[in-house]
Amino acid sequence: MVQHVEQNLQLMTKRAVKAENSATKLKQENAVLQVQLKNYKTENEALRSGQSASLAMVKQNAELALQNLLTVITNSQSSIKQLVSGAESLQLVADLLKSIDRISEVSEDGK
C-alpha cells in the first residue's frame, strides 16, 4: 500500500513538473506575443499617421492644382477676349479694304 502511495506521489510530482514546465512555456510565449502586439500597434499607428500625412499632401497638391487651373482659365479667357477683339479689328480692316476697292471703281467710272 505504501509503495502504491509512493508511485501515486511520483506520478503526481511528474504531472506537477510537467504542468509547471508547460505554464513556464506559456508565460514565455505570452510575453513574446505581448511584445509582438505592442510592435504591431506601434506599426499600425505609424501607418495611420503616415496615411494621414499622405492624404494631407494629396489635398494640398489638389488645392495647388486647382489654383493653377483657375489662373490658366482666367488668363485664357483674357487671351480669348483679345483674340476676338483682334479678329473684329481685322474684319473691320477687311471691310475697309473692300470699300476702297469700290471707291476706286466708282472713281474710275466717274471720270
Protein backbone atom coordinates (compact mmCIF):
# COMPACT_ATOMS: atom_id res chain seq x y z
CA MET A 1 0.00 0.00 0.00
CA VAL A 2 2.84 2.42 0.88
CA GLN A 3 4.52 1.54 -2.39
CA HIS A 4 1.28 2.31 -4.23
CA VAL A 5 1.04 5.70 -2.49
CA GLU A 6 4.67 6.45 -3.37
CA GLN A 7 4.00 5.63 -7.03
CA ASN A 8 0.98 7.92 -6.99
CA LEU A 9 3.10 10.67 -5.42
CA GLN A 10 5.77 10.20 -8.07
CA LEU A 11 3.14 10.36 -10.84
CA MET A 12 1.61 13.45 -9.28
CA THR A 13 5.08 15.01 -8.96
CA LYS A 14 5.80 14.28 -12.64
CA ARG A 15 2.45 15.79 -13.59
CA ALA A 16 3.14 18.85 -11.44
CA VAL A 17 6.60 19.32 -13.01
CA LYS A 18 5.08 18.88 -16.47
CA ALA A 19 2.36 21.42 -15.64
CA GLU A 20 4.95 23.90 -14.30
CA ASN A 21 7.08 23.49 -17.45
CA SER A 22 4.01 23.95 -19.59
CA ALA A 23 2.99 27.05 -17.60
CA THR A 24 6.52 28.48 -17.96
CA LYS A 25 6.46 27.90 -21.73
CA LEU A 26 3.03 29.53 -21.98
CA LYS A 27 4.23 32.52 -19.95
CA GLN A 28 7.23 32.92 -22.25
CA GLU A 29 5.03 32.59 -25.33
CA ASN A 30 2.60 35.11 -23.83
CA ALA A 31 5.46 37.56 -23.24
CA VAL A 32 6.64 37.18 -26.86
CA LEU A 33 3.07 37.70 -28.11
CA GLN A 34 2.67 40.79 -25.93
CA VAL A 35 5.85 42.29 -27.43
CA GLN A 36 4.61 41.45 -30.94
CA LEU A 37 1.24 43.03 -30.16
CA LYS A 38 2.94 46.20 -28.93
CA ASN A 39 5.10 46.30 -32.07
CA TYR A 40 2.05 45.79 -34.31
CA LYS A 41 0.17 48.56 -32.51
CA THR A 42 3.14 50.91 -32.94
CA GLU A 43 3.45 50.00 -36.61
CA ASN A 44 -0.30 50.45 -37.09
CA GLU A 45 -0.18 53.93 -35.55
CA ALA A 46 2.82 54.83 -37.73
CA LEU A 47 0.95 53.68 -40.82
CA ARG A 48 -2.13 55.63 -39.83
CA SER A 49 -0.18 58.82 -39.22
CA GLY A 50 1.70 58.29 -42.49
CA GLN A 51 -1.59 57.77 -44.28
CA SER A 52 -2.94 60.97 -42.76
CA ALA A 53 0.17 62.82 -43.86
CA SER A 54 -0.16 61.39 -47.36
CA LEU A 55 -3.80 62.38 -47.51
CA ALA A 56 -2.94 65.89 -46.36
CA MET A 57 -0.25 66.10 -49.06
CA VAL A 58 -2.73 64.92 -51.71
CA LYS A 59 -5.24 67.56 -50.57
CA GLN A 60 -2.54 70.24 -50.67
CA ASN A 61 -1.46 69.19 -54.17
CA ALA A 62 -5.08 69.16 -55.35
CA GLU A 63 -5.60 72.66 -53.95
CA LEU A 64 -2.46 73.90 -55.70
CA ALA A 65 -3.56 72.27 -58.97
CA LEU A 66 -6.97 73.91 -58.62
CA GLN A 67 -5.40 77.33 -58.07
CA ASN A 68 -3.15 76.85 -61.11
CA LEU A 69 -6.11 75.73 -63.20
CA LEU A 70 -8.14 78.78 -62.18
CA THR A 71 -5.20 81.03 -63.09
CA VAL A 72 -4.90 79.35 -66.50
CA ILE A 73 -8.65 79.74 -67.07
CA THR A 74 -8.52 83.46 -66.19
CA ASN A 75 -5.52 84.04 -68.46
CA SER A 76 -7.04 82.06 -71.31
CA GLN A 77 -10.31 83.99 -71.03
CA SER A 78 -8.34 87.23 -71.31
CA SER A 79 -6.42 85.89 -74.30
CA ILE A 80 -9.65 84.76 -75.98
CA LYS A 81 -11.17 88.22 -75.47
CA GLN A 82 -8.07 89.81 -77.02
CA LEU A 83 -8.19 87.34 -79.89
CA VAL A 84 -11.87 88.08 -80.57
CA SER A 85 -11.17 91.81 -80.39
CA GLY A 86 -8.26 91.38 -82.82
CA ALA A 87 -10.46 89.33 -85.16
CA GLU A 88 -13.12 92.06 -85.06
CA SER A 89 -10.44 94.66 -85.88
CA LEU A 90 -9.21 92.54 -88.78
CA GLN A 91 -12.78 92.20 -90.04
CA LEU A 92 -13.13 96.00 -89.92
CA VAL A 93 -9.87 96.39 -91.87
CA ALA A 94 -11.08 93.83 -94.43
CA ASP A 95 -14.38 95.71 -94.79
CA LEU A 96 -12.47 98.97 -95.27
CA LEU A 97 -10.27 97.38 -97.92
CA LYS A 98 -13.39 96.18 -99.75
CA SER A 99 -14.78 99.69 -99.56
CA ILE A 100 -11.55 101.12 -101.01
CA ASP A 101 -11.91 98.80 -103.99
CA ARG A 102 -15.48 100.03 -104.50
CA ILE A 103 -14.43 103.62 -104.08
CA SER A 104 -11.66 103.24 -106.64
CA GLU A 105 -14.08 101.55 -109.05
CA VAL A 106 -16.58 104.35 -108.63
CA SER A 107 -13.83 106.94 -109.16
CA GLU A 108 -12.71 105.30 -112.38
CA ASP A 109 -16.27 105.09 -113.70
CA GLY A 110 -16.92 108.68 -112.72
CA LYS A 111 -14.08 110.02 -114.89
